[in-house]
PDB file of N, CA and C in Angstrom:
ATOM      1  N   MET A   1       1.708  -0.359 -72.573  1.00  0.00           N
ATOM      2  CA  MET A   1       1.544  -0.853 -71.214  1.00  0.00           C
ATOM      3  C   MET A   1       0.250  -1.651 -71.119  1.00  0.00           C
ATOM      4  N   THR A   2       0.311  -2.770 -70.441  1.00  0.00           N
ATOM      5  CA  THR A   2      -0.879  -3.581 -70.258  1.00  0.00           C
ATOM      6  C   THR A   2      -1.499  -3.320 -68.900  1.00  0.00           C
ATOM      7  N   TRP A   3      -2.750  -3.679 -68.784  1.00  0.00           N
ATOM      8  CA  TRP A   3      -3.480  -3.456 -67.535  1.00  0.00           C
ATOM      9  C   TRP A   3      -3.524  -4.697 -66.657  1.00  0.00           C
ATOM     10  N   PHE A   4      -2.828  -5.765 -67.048  1.00  0.00           N
ATOM     11  CA  PHE A   4      -2.872  -7.001 -66.277  1.00  0.00           C
ATOM     12  C   PHE A   4      -2.346  -6.863 -64.849  1.00  0.00           C
ATOM     13  N   PRO A   5      -1.279  -6.126 -64.584  1.00  0.00           N
ATOM     14  CA  PRO A   5      -0.785  -6.043 -63.192  1.00  0.00           C
ATOM     15  C   PRO A   5      -1.643  -5.189 -62.266  1.00  0.00           C
ATOM     16  N   VAL A   6      -2.631  -4.478 -62.809  1.00  0.00           N
ATOM     17  CA  VAL A   6      -3.426  -3.573 -61.978  1.00  0.00           C
ATOM     18  C   VAL A   6      -4.313  -4.346 -61.003  1.00  0.00           C
ATOM     19  N   VAL A   7      -4.945  -5.407 -61.464  1.00  0.00           N
ATOM     20  CA  VAL A   7      -5.875  -6.157 -60.606  1.00  0.00           C
ATOM     21  C   VAL A   7      -5.160  -6.794 -59.408  1.00  0.00           C
ATOM     22  N   PRO A   8      -4.049  -7.525 -59.610  1.00  0.00           N
ATOM     23  CA  PRO A   8      -3.365  -8.061 -58.419  1.00  0.00           C
ATOM     24  C   PRO A   8      -2.823  -6.967 -57.502  1.00  0.00           C
ATOM     25  N   SER A   9      -2.432  -5.846 -58.066  1.00  0.00           N
ATOM     26  CA  SER A   9      -1.923  -4.752 -57.234  1.00  0.00           C
ATOM     27  C   SER A   9      -3.025  -4.171 -56.356  1.00  0.00           C
ATOM     28  N   VAL A  10      -4.198  -3.984 -56.917  1.00  0.00           N
ATOM     29  CA  VAL A  10      -5.327  -3.460 -56.132  1.00  0.00           C
ATOM     30  C   VAL A  10      -5.730  -4.455 -55.056  1.00  0.00           C
ATOM     31  N   LEU A  11      -5.767  -5.739 -55.404  1.00  0.00           N
ATOM     32  CA  LEU A  11      -6.079  -6.767 -54.402  1.00  0.00           C
ATOM     33  C   LEU A  11      -5.043  -6.786 -53.288  1.00  0.00           C
ATOM     34  N   ALA A  12      -3.779  -6.605 -53.648  1.00  0.00           N
ATOM     35  CA  ALA A  12      -2.720  -6.584 -52.632  1.00  0.00           C
ATOM     36  C   ALA A  12      -2.906  -5.410 -51.673  1.00  0.00           C
ATOM     37  N   VAL A  13      -3.238  -4.248 -52.192  1.00  0.00           N
ATOM     38  CA  VAL A  13      -3.436  -3.075 -51.332  1.00  0.00           C
ATOM     39  C   VAL A  13      -4.624  -3.275 -50.406  1.00  0.00           C
ATOM     40  N   LEU A  14      -5.718  -3.834 -50.926  1.00  0.00           N
ATOM     41  CA  LEU A  14      -6.890  -4.086 -50.083  1.00  0.00           C
ATOM     42  C   LEU A  14      -6.600  -5.119 -49.001  1.00  0.00           C
ATOM     43  N   LEU A  15      -5.855  -6.156 -49.356  1.00  0.00           N
ATOM     44  CA  LEU A  15      -5.510  -7.171 -48.365  1.00  0.00           C
ATOM     45  C   LEU A  15      -4.554  -6.636 -47.311  1.00  0.00           C
ATOM     46  N   VAL A  16      -3.640  -5.754 -47.694  1.00  0.00           N
ATOM     47  CA  VAL A  16      -2.740  -5.144 -46.706  1.00  0.00           C
ATOM     48  C   VAL A  16      -3.549  -4.305 -45.719  1.00  0.00           C
ATOM     49  N   ALA A  17      -4.504  -3.542 -46.229  1.00  0.00           N
ATOM     50  CA  ALA A  17      -5.321  -2.710 -45.340  1.00  0.00           C
ATOM     51  C   ALA A  17      -6.118  -3.579 -44.368  1.00  0.00           C
ATOM     52  N   GLY A  18      -6.735  -4.637 -44.865  1.00  0.00           N
ATOM     53  CA  GLY A  18      -7.493  -5.529 -43.991  1.00  0.00           C
ATOM     54  C   GLY A  18      -6.615  -6.301 -43.027  1.00  0.00           C
ATOM     55  N   GLY A  19      -5.438  -6.724 -43.483  1.00  0.00           N
ATOM     56  CA  GLY A  19      -4.521  -7.463 -42.633  1.00  0.00           C
ATOM     57  C   GLY A  19      -3.965  -6.623 -41.502  1.00  0.00           C
ATOM     58  N   VAL A  20      -3.598  -5.396 -41.816  1.00  0.00           N
ATOM     59  CA  VAL A  20      -3.073  -4.508 -40.768  1.00  0.00           C
ATOM     60  C   VAL A  20      -4.165  -4.188 -39.747  1.00  0.00           C
ATOM     61  N   ALA A  21      -5.392  -3.982 -40.223  1.00  0.00           N
ATOM     62  CA  ALA A  21      -6.494  -3.701 -39.293  1.00  0.00           C
ATOM     63  C   ALA A  21      -6.762  -4.901 -38.391  1.00  0.00           C
ATOM     64  N   ALA A  22      -6.667  -6.108 -38.939  1.00  0.00           N
ATOM     65  CA  ALA A  22      -6.930  -7.303 -38.133  1.00  0.00           C
ATOM     66  C   ALA A  22      -5.810  -7.565 -37.137  1.00  0.00           C
ATOM     67  N   VAL A  23      -4.573  -7.336 -37.537  1.00  0.00           N
ATOM     68  CA  VAL A  23      -3.451  -7.591 -36.630  1.00  0.00           C
ATOM     69  C   VAL A  23      -3.392  -6.545 -35.526  1.00  0.00           C
ATOM     70  N   ARG A  24      -3.588  -5.290 -35.865  1.00  0.00           N
ATOM     71  CA  ARG A  24      -3.451  -4.224 -34.869  1.00  0.00           C
ATOM     72  C   ARG A  24      -4.632  -4.133 -33.909  1.00  0.00           C
ATOM     73  N   SER A  25      -5.856  -4.198 -34.453  1.00  0.00           N
ATOM     74  CA  SER A  25      -7.008  -3.942 -33.586  1.00  0.00           C
ATOM     75  C   SER A  25      -7.985  -5.105 -33.485  1.00  0.00           C
ATOM     76  N   GLY A  26      -7.804  -6.146 -34.272  1.00  0.00           N
ATOM     77  CA  GLY A  26      -8.727  -7.267 -34.241  1.00  0.00           C
ATOM     78  C   GLY A  26      -9.975  -7.044 -35.074  1.00  0.00           C
ATOM     79  N   TRP A  27     -10.011  -5.981 -35.871  1.00  0.00           N
ATOM     80  CA  TRP A  27     -11.182  -5.671 -36.683  1.00  0.00           C
ATOM     81  C   TRP A  27     -11.111  -6.424 -38.001  1.00  0.00           C
ATOM     82  N   ILE A  28     -12.194  -7.082 -38.356  1.00  0.00           N
ATOM     83  CA  ILE A  28     -12.313  -7.712 -39.661  1.00  0.00           C
ATOM     84  C   ILE A  28     -13.653  -7.314 -40.258  1.00  0.00           C
ATOM     85  N   LEU A  29     -13.830  -7.582 -41.539  1.00  0.00           N
ATOM     86  CA  LEU A  29     -15.059  -7.192 -42.219  1.00  0.00           C
ATOM     87  C   LEU A  29     -16.264  -7.862 -41.567  1.00  0.00           C
ATOM     88  N   PRO A  30     -17.411  -7.181 -41.537  1.00  0.00           N
ATOM     89  CA  PRO A  30     -18.576  -7.707 -40.810  1.00  0.00           C
ATOM     90  C   PRO A  30     -19.055  -9.075 -41.293  1.00  0.00           C
ATOM     91  N   PHE A  31     -18.972  -9.361 -42.569  1.00  0.00           N
ATOM     92  CA  PHE A  31     -19.474 -10.648 -43.048  1.00  0.00           C
ATOM     93  C   PHE A  31     -18.531 -11.800 -42.725  1.00  0.00           C
ATOM     94  N   ARG A  32     -17.329 -11.538 -42.212  1.00  0.00           N
ATOM     95  CA  ARG A  32     -16.376 -12.573 -41.821  1.00  0.00           C
ATOM     96  C   ARG A  32     -16.346 -12.791 -40.305  1.00  0.00           C
ATOM     97  N   ARG A  33     -16.972 -11.925 -39.550  1.00  0.00           N
ATOM     98  CA  ARG A  33     -16.835 -11.951 -38.086  1.00  0.00           C
ATOM     99  C   ARG A  33     -17.383 -13.215 -37.452  1.00  0.00           C
ATOM    100  N   ARG A  34     -18.433 -13.771 -37.988  1.00  0.00           N
ATOM    101  CA  ARG A  34     -19.038 -14.940 -37.361  1.00  0.00           C
ATOM    102  C   ARG A  34     -18.167 -16.180 -37.513  1.00  0.00           C
ATOM    103  N   ARG A  35     -17.421 -16.277 -38.606  1.00  0.00           N
ATOM    104  CA  ARG A  35     -16.646 -17.484 -38.873  1.00  0.00           C
ATOM    105  C   ARG A  35     -15.232 -17.443 -38.313  1.00  0.00           C
ATOM    106  N   VAL A  36     -14.628 -16.269 -38.225  1.00  0.00           N
ATOM    107  CA  VAL A  36     -13.227 -16.161 -37.817  1.00  0.00           C
ATOM    108  C   VAL A  36     -13.139 -16.124 -36.301  1.00  0.00           C
ATOM    109  N   HIS A  37     -12.357 -17.050 -35.739  1.00  0.00           N
ATOM    110  CA  HIS A  37     -12.186 -17.123 -34.291  1.00  0.00           C
ATOM    111  C   HIS A  37     -10.862 -16.508 -33.833  1.00  0.00           C
ATOM    112  N   ARG A  38      -9.868 -16.517 -34.685  1.00  0.00           N
ATOM    113  CA  ARG A  38      -8.537 -15.963 -34.350  1.00  0.00           C
ATOM    114  C   ARG A  38      -8.253 -14.816 -35.314  1.00  0.00           C
ATOM    115  N   THR A  39      -8.583 -13.607 -34.881  1.00  0.00           N
ATOM    116  CA  THR A  39      -8.503 -12.466 -35.785  1.00  0.00           C
ATOM    117  C   THR A  39      -7.058 -12.094 -36.132  1.00  0.00           C
ATOM    118  N   GLU A  40      -6.148 -12.226 -35.197  1.00  0.00           N
ATOM    119  CA  GLU A  40      -4.759 -11.856 -35.494  1.00  0.00           C
ATOM    120  C   GLU A  40      -4.155 -12.813 -36.526  1.00  0.00           C
ATOM    121  N   LEU A  41      -4.414 -14.083 -36.397  1.00  0.00           N
ATOM    122  CA  LEU A  41      -3.926 -15.046 -37.373  1.00  0.00           C
ATOM    123  C   LEU A  41      -4.563 -14.806 -38.736  1.00  0.00           C
ATOM    124  N   PHE A  42      -5.832 -14.423 -38.749  1.00  0.00           N
ATOM    125  CA  PHE A  42      -6.504 -14.110 -40.009  1.00  0.00           C
ATOM    126  C   PHE A  42      -5.872 -12.882 -40.662  1.00  0.00           C
ATOM    127  N   GLY A  43      -5.462 -11.905 -39.846  1.00  0.00           N
ATOM    128  CA  GLY A  43      -4.769 -10.732 -40.385  1.00  0.00           C
ATOM    129  C   GLY A  43      -3.437 -11.107 -41.009  1.00  0.00           C
ATOM    130  N   TRP A  44      -2.703 -12.013 -40.365  1.00  0.00           N
ATOM    131  CA  TRP A  44      -1.433 -12.465 -40.946  1.00  0.00           C
ATOM    132  C   TRP A  44      -1.675 -13.229 -42.240  1.00  0.00           C
ATOM    133  N   ALA A  45      -2.768 -13.977 -42.296  1.00  0.00           N
ATOM    134  CA  ALA A  45      -3.111 -14.683 -43.536  1.00  0.00           C
ATOM    135  C   ALA A  45      -3.369 -13.691 -44.663  1.00  0.00           C
ATOM    136  N   GLN A  46      -4.052 -12.594 -44.356  1.00  0.00           N
ATOM    137  CA  GLN A  46      -4.301 -11.572 -45.367  1.00  0.00           C
ATOM    138  C   GLN A  46      -3.008 -10.913 -45.816  1.00  0.00           C
ATOM    139  N   LEU A  47      -2.088 -10.699 -44.897  1.00  0.00           N
ATOM    140  CA  LEU A  47      -0.808 -10.097 -45.274  1.00  0.00           C
ATOM    141  C   LEU A  47       0.015 -11.031 -46.159  1.00  0.00           C
ATOM    142  N   VAL A  48      -0.017 -12.324 -45.862  1.00  0.00           N
ATOM    143  CA  VAL A  48       0.701 -13.292 -46.707  1.00  0.00           C
ATOM    144  C   VAL A  48       0.082 -13.332 -48.099  1.00  0.00           C
ATOM    145  N   MET A  49      -1.245 -13.291 -48.178  1.00  0.00           N
ATOM    146  CA  MET A  49      -1.891 -13.284 -49.489  1.00  0.00           C
ATOM    147  C   MET A  49      -1.620 -11.981 -50.241  1.00  0.00           C
ATOM    148  N   ALA A  50      -1.462 -10.883 -49.519  1.00  0.00           N
ATOM    149  CA  ALA A  50      -1.101  -9.624 -50.169  1.00  0.00           C
ATOM    150  C   ALA A  50       0.291  -9.717 -50.790  1.00  0.00           C
ATOM    151  N   VAL A  51       1.213 -10.372 -50.097  1.00  0.00           N
ATOM    152  CA  VAL A  51       2.550 -10.601 -50.660  1.00  0.00           C
ATOM    153  C   VAL A  51       2.449 -11.454 -51.919  1.00  0.00           C
ATOM    154  N   ALA A  52       1.560 -12.444 -51.890  1.00  0.00           N
ATOM    155  CA  ALA A  52       1.379 -13.308 -53.058  1.00  0.00           C
ATOM    156  C   ALA A  52       0.876 -12.508 -54.254  1.00  0.00           C
ATOM    157  N   PHE A  53      -0.102 -11.657 -54.039  1.00  0.00           N
ATOM    158  CA  PHE A  53      -0.613 -10.860 -55.152  1.00  0.00           C
ATOM    159  C   PHE A  53       0.398  -9.818 -55.613  1.00  0.00           C
ATOM    160  N   GLY A  54       1.198  -9.293 -54.690  1.00  0.00           N
ATOM    161  CA  GLY A  54       2.268  -8.378 -55.089  1.00  0.00           C
ATOM    162  C   GLY A  54       3.323  -9.070 -55.925  1.00  0.00           C
ATOM    163  N   ALA A  55       3.682 -10.288 -55.554  1.00  0.00           N
ATOM    164  CA  ALA A  55       4.642 -11.058 -56.348  1.00  0.00           C
ATOM    165  C   ALA A  55       4.071 -11.393 -57.715  1.00  0.00           C
ATOM    166  N   GLN A  56       2.777 -11.668 -57.774  1.00  0.00           N
ATOM    167  CA  GLN A  56       2.151 -11.948 -59.062  1.00  0.00           C
ATOM    168  C   GLN A  56       2.181 -10.715 -59.954  1.00  0.00           C
ATOM    169  N   ALA A  57       1.898  -9.555 -59.396  1.00  0.00           N
ATOM    170  CA  ALA A  57       1.943  -8.328 -60.185  1.00  0.00           C
ATOM    171  C   ALA A  57       3.362  -8.034 -60.649  1.00  0.00           C
ATOM    172  N   ALA A  58       4.336  -8.259 -59.785  1.00  0.00           N
ATOM    173  CA  ALA A  58       5.734  -8.034 -60.183  1.00  0.00           C
ATOM    174  C   ALA A  58       6.146  -9.018 -61.267  1.00  0.00           C
ATOM    175  N   GLY A  59       5.693 -10.262 -61.172  1.00  0.00           N
ATOM    176  CA  GLY A  59       5.994 -11.244 -62.201  1.00  0.00           C
ATOM    177  C   GLY A  59       5.382 -10.881 -63.539  1.00  0.00           C
ATOM    178  N   LEU A  60       4.190 -10.307 -63.508  1.00  0.00           N
ATOM    179  CA  LEU A  60       3.564  -9.864 -64.752  1.00  0.00           C
ATOM    180  C   LEU A  60       4.310  -8.689 -65.365  1.00  0.00           C
ATOM    181  N   LEU A  61       4.861  -7.835 -64.538  1.00  0.00           N
ATOM    182  CA  LEU A  61       5.628  -6.698 -65.061  1.00  0.00           C
ATOM    183  C   LEU A  61       6.962  -7.136 -65.663  1.00  0.00           C
ATOM    184  N   LEU A  62       7.561  -8.181 -65.099  1.00  0.00           N
ATOM    185  CA  LEU A  62       8.861  -8.631 -65.598  1.00  0.00           C
ATOM    186  C   LEU A  62       8.758  -9.390 -66.908  1.00  0.00           C
ATOM    187  N   GLY A  63       7.636 -10.021 -67.158  1.00  0.00           N
ATOM    188  CA  GLY A  63       7.453 -10.690 -68.433  1.00  0.00           C
ATOM    189  C   GLY A  63       7.701 -12.180 -68.380  1.00  0.00           C
ATOM    190  N   GLU A  64       8.176 -12.722 -69.496  1.00  0.00           N
ATOM    191  CA  GLU A  64       8.266 -14.165 -69.688  1.00  0.00           C
ATOM    192  C   GLU A  64       9.589 -14.781 -69.253  1.00  0.00           C
ATOM    193  N   GLY A  65      10.503 -14.056 -68.696  1.00  0.00           N
ATOM    194  CA  GLY A  65      11.823 -14.581 -68.341  1.00  0.00           C
ATOM    195  C   GLY A  65      11.801 -15.444 -67.095  1.00  0.00           C
ATOM    196  N   GLU A  66      13.003 -15.830 -66.665  1.00  0.00           N
ATOM    197  CA  GLU A  66      13.153 -16.665 -65.474  1.00  0.00           C
ATOM    198  C   GLU A  66      12.650 -15.964 -64.215  1.00  0.00           C
ATOM    199  N   ALA A  67      12.883 -14.672 -64.112  1.00  0.00           N
ATOM    200  CA  ALA A  67      12.450 -13.948 -62.922  1.00  0.00           C
ATOM    201  C   ALA A  67      10.929 -13.940 -62.811  1.00  0.00           C
ATOM    202  N   GLY A  68      10.245 -13.805 -63.923  1.00  0.00           N
ATOM    203  CA  GLY A  68       8.788 -13.857 -63.906  1.00  0.00           C
ATOM    204  C   GLY A  68       8.280 -15.220 -63.495  1.00  0.00           C
ATOM    205  N   TYR A  69       8.969 -16.270 -63.941  1.00  0.00           N
ATOM    206  CA  TYR A  69       8.592 -17.632 -63.562  1.00  0.00           C
ATOM    207  C   TYR A  69       8.799 -17.869 -62.062  1.00  0.00           C
ATOM    208  N   VAL A  70       9.932 -17.424 -61.543  1.00  0.00           N
ATOM    209  CA  VAL A  70      10.226 -17.602 -60.118  1.00  0.00           C
ATOM    210  C   VAL A  70       9.216 -16.834 -59.271  1.00  0.00           C
ATOM    211  N   LEU A  71       8.885 -15.618 -59.663  1.00  0.00           N
ATOM    212  CA  LEU A  71       7.896 -14.848 -58.907  1.00  0.00           C
ATOM    213  C   LEU A  71       6.511 -15.487 -58.996  1.00  0.00           C
ATOM    214  N   GLY A  72       6.215 -16.126 -60.104  1.00  0.00           N
ATOM    215  CA  GLY A  72       4.949 -16.842 -60.212  1.00  0.00           C
ATOM    216  C   GLY A  72       4.874 -18.016 -59.253  1.00  0.00           C
ATOM    217  N   VAL A  73       5.966 -18.754 -59.139  1.00  0.00           N
ATOM    218  CA  VAL A  73       6.009 -19.876 -58.198  1.00  0.00           C
ATOM    219  C   VAL A  73       5.908 -19.375 -56.759  1.00  0.00           C
ATOM    220  N   VAL A  74       6.616 -18.290 -56.448  1.00  0.00           N
ATOM    221  CA  VAL A  74       6.544 -17.686 -55.110  1.00  0.00           C
ATOM    222  C   VAL A  74       5.111 -17.231 -54.820  1.00  0.00           C
ATOM    223  N   ALA A  75       4.454 -16.663 -55.815  1.00  0.00           N
ATOM    224  CA  ALA A  75       3.079 -16.194 -55.626  1.00  0.00           C
ATOM    225  C   ALA A  75       2.139 -17.350 -55.324  1.00  0.00           C
ATOM    226  N   VAL A  76       2.278 -18.449 -56.047  1.00  0.00           N
ATOM    227  CA  VAL A  76       1.404 -19.606 -55.817  1.00  0.00           C
ATOM    228  C   VAL A  76       1.642 -20.188 -54.424  1.00  0.00           C
ATOM    229  N   LEU A  77       2.904 -20.343 -54.033  1.00  0.00           N
ATOM    230  CA  LEU A  77       3.208 -20.906 -52.714  1.00  0.00           C
ATOM    231  C   LEU A  77       2.736 -19.989 -51.587  1.00  0.00           C
ATOM    232  N   ALA A  78       2.912 -18.682 -51.755  1.00  0.00           N
ATOM    233  CA  ALA A  78       2.461 -17.742 -50.726  1.00  0.00           C
ATOM    234  C   ALA A  78       0.940 -17.720 -50.646  1.00  0.00           C
ATOM    235  N   LEU A  79       0.273 -17.820 -51.776  1.00  0.00           N
ATOM    236  CA  LEU A  79      -1.186 -17.844 -51.757  1.00  0.00           C
ATOM    237  C   LEU A  79      -1.707 -19.100 -51.058  1.00  0.00           C
ATOM    238  N   LEU A  80      -1.087 -20.232 -51.318  1.00  0.00           N
ATOM    239  CA  LEU A  80      -1.481 -21.459 -50.627  1.00  0.00           C
ATOM    240  C   LEU A  80      -1.212 -21.361 -49.120  1.00  0.00           C
ATOM    241  N   GLY A  81      -0.071 -20.794 -48.754  1.00  0.00           N
ATOM    242  CA  GLY A  81       0.228 -20.600 -47.331  1.00  0.00           C
ATOM    243  C   GLY A  81      -0.769 -19.674 -46.660  1.00  0.00           C
ATOM    244  N   GLY A  82      -1.142 -18.599 -47.339  1.00  0.00           N
ATOM    245  CA  GLY A  82      -2.142 -17.683 -46.791  1.00  0.00           C
ATOM    246  C   GLY A  82      -3.505 -18.329 -46.639  1.00  0.00           C
ATOM    247  N   LEU A  83      -3.874 -19.173 -47.606  1.00  0.00           N
ATOM    248  CA  LEU A  83      -5.151 -19.874 -47.499  1.00  0.00           C
ATOM    249  C   LEU A  83      -5.163 -20.860 -46.335  1.00  0.00           C
ATOM    250  N   VAL A  84      -4.032 -21.530 -46.112  1.00  0.00           N
ATOM    251  CA  VAL A  84      -3.944 -22.447 -44.969  1.00  0.00           C
ATOM    252  C   VAL A  84      -4.074 -21.669 -43.659  1.00  0.00           C
ATOM    253  N   LEU A  85      -3.407 -20.531 -43.570  1.00  0.00           N
ATOM    254  CA  LEU A  85      -3.521 -19.708 -42.355  1.00  0.00           C
ATOM    255  C   LEU A  85      -4.956 -19.227 -42.153  1.00  0.00           C
ATOM    256  N   ALA A  86      -5.625 -18.848 -43.230  1.00  0.00           N
ATOM    257  CA  ALA A  86      -7.012 -18.376 -43.117  1.00  0.00           C
ATOM    258  C   ALA A  86      -7.936 -19.498 -42.658  1.00  0.00           C
ATOM    259  N   ILE A  87      -7.698 -20.706 -43.128  1.00  0.00           N
ATOM    260  CA  ILE A  87      -8.524 -21.841 -42.708  1.00  0.00           C
ATOM    261  C   ILE A  87      -8.289 -22.160 -41.233  1.00  0.00           C
ATOM    262  N   VAL A  88      -7.027 -22.118 -40.812  1.00  0.00           N
ATOM    263  CA  VAL A  88      -6.726 -22.368 -39.391  1.00  0.00           C
ATOM    264  C   VAL A  88      -7.329 -21.274 -38.515  1.00  0.00           C
ATOM    265  N   ALA A  89      -7.377 -20.038 -39.001  1.00  0.00           N
ATOM    266  CA  ALA A  89      -7.944 -18.944 -38.215  1.00  0.00           C
ATOM    267  C   ALA A  89      -9.451 -19.098 -38.041  1.00  0.00           C
ATOM    268  N   GLN A  90     -10.092 -19.864 -38.902  1.00  0.00           N
ATOM    269  CA  GLN A  90     -11.531 -20.057 -38.790  1.00  0.00           C
ATOM    270  C   GLN A  90     -11.896 -21.200 -37.854  1.00  0.00           C
ATOM    271  N   ARG A  91     -10.924 -21.984 -37.446  1.00  0.00           N
ATOM    272  CA  ARG A  91     -11.197 -23.082 -36.512  1.00  0.00           C
ATOM    273  C   ARG A  91     -11.176 -22.537 -35.090  1.00  0.00           C
ATOM    274  N   PRO A  92     -12.082 -22.985 -34.257  1.00  0.00           N
ATOM    275  CA  PRO A  92     -12.058 -22.514 -32.864  1.00  0.00           C
ATOM    276  C   PRO A  92     -10.844 -23.056 -32.121  1.00  0.00           C
ATOM    277  N   THR A  93     -10.396 -22.331 -31.133  1.00  0.00           N
ATOM    278  CA  THR A  93      -9.277 -22.790 -30.320  1.00  0.00           C
ATOM    279  C   THR A  93      -9.726 -23.987 -29.491  1.00  0.00           C
ATOM    280  N   PRO A  94      -8.790 -24.810 -29.045  1.00  0.00           N
ATOM    281  CA  PRO A  94      -9.163 -26.027 -28.297  1.00  0.00           C
ATOM    282  C   PRO A  94      -9.911 -25.728 -26.992  1.00  0.00           C
ATOM    283  N   ASP A  95      -9.717 -24.562 -26.399  1.00  0.00           N
ATOM    284  CA  ASP A  95     -10.394 -24.265 -25.130  1.00  0.00           C
ATOM    285  C   ASP A  95     -11.797 -23.748 -25.318  1.00  0.00           C
ATOM    286  N   ARG A  96     -12.263 -23.552 -26.541  1.00  0.00           N
ATOM    287  CA  ARG A  96     -13.638 -23.073 -26.769  1.00  0.00           C
ATOM    288  C   ARG A  96     -14.580 -24.204 -26.956  1.00  0.00           C
TER     289      ARG A  96
END
């Protein structure tokens, strides 16, 4: 057994915890509070990135076949989508 899927799995669990906290209560880590203006959207961005890291870990477990390749592509697209959501969450709303 290799240890490669452990790192994305741990990152996915941490992002799920932070995403759920941001969506439910608006709480985010203290060093991010000054920059993030839309906490719920930032929580959804963390959840999307958690899905990306989970897909990456699953792709690593499946190996070199077609399924691993497809999960790798899904992981990259989900990570890019999560990053876009995180960037939009850092922009102030038009009424501010």
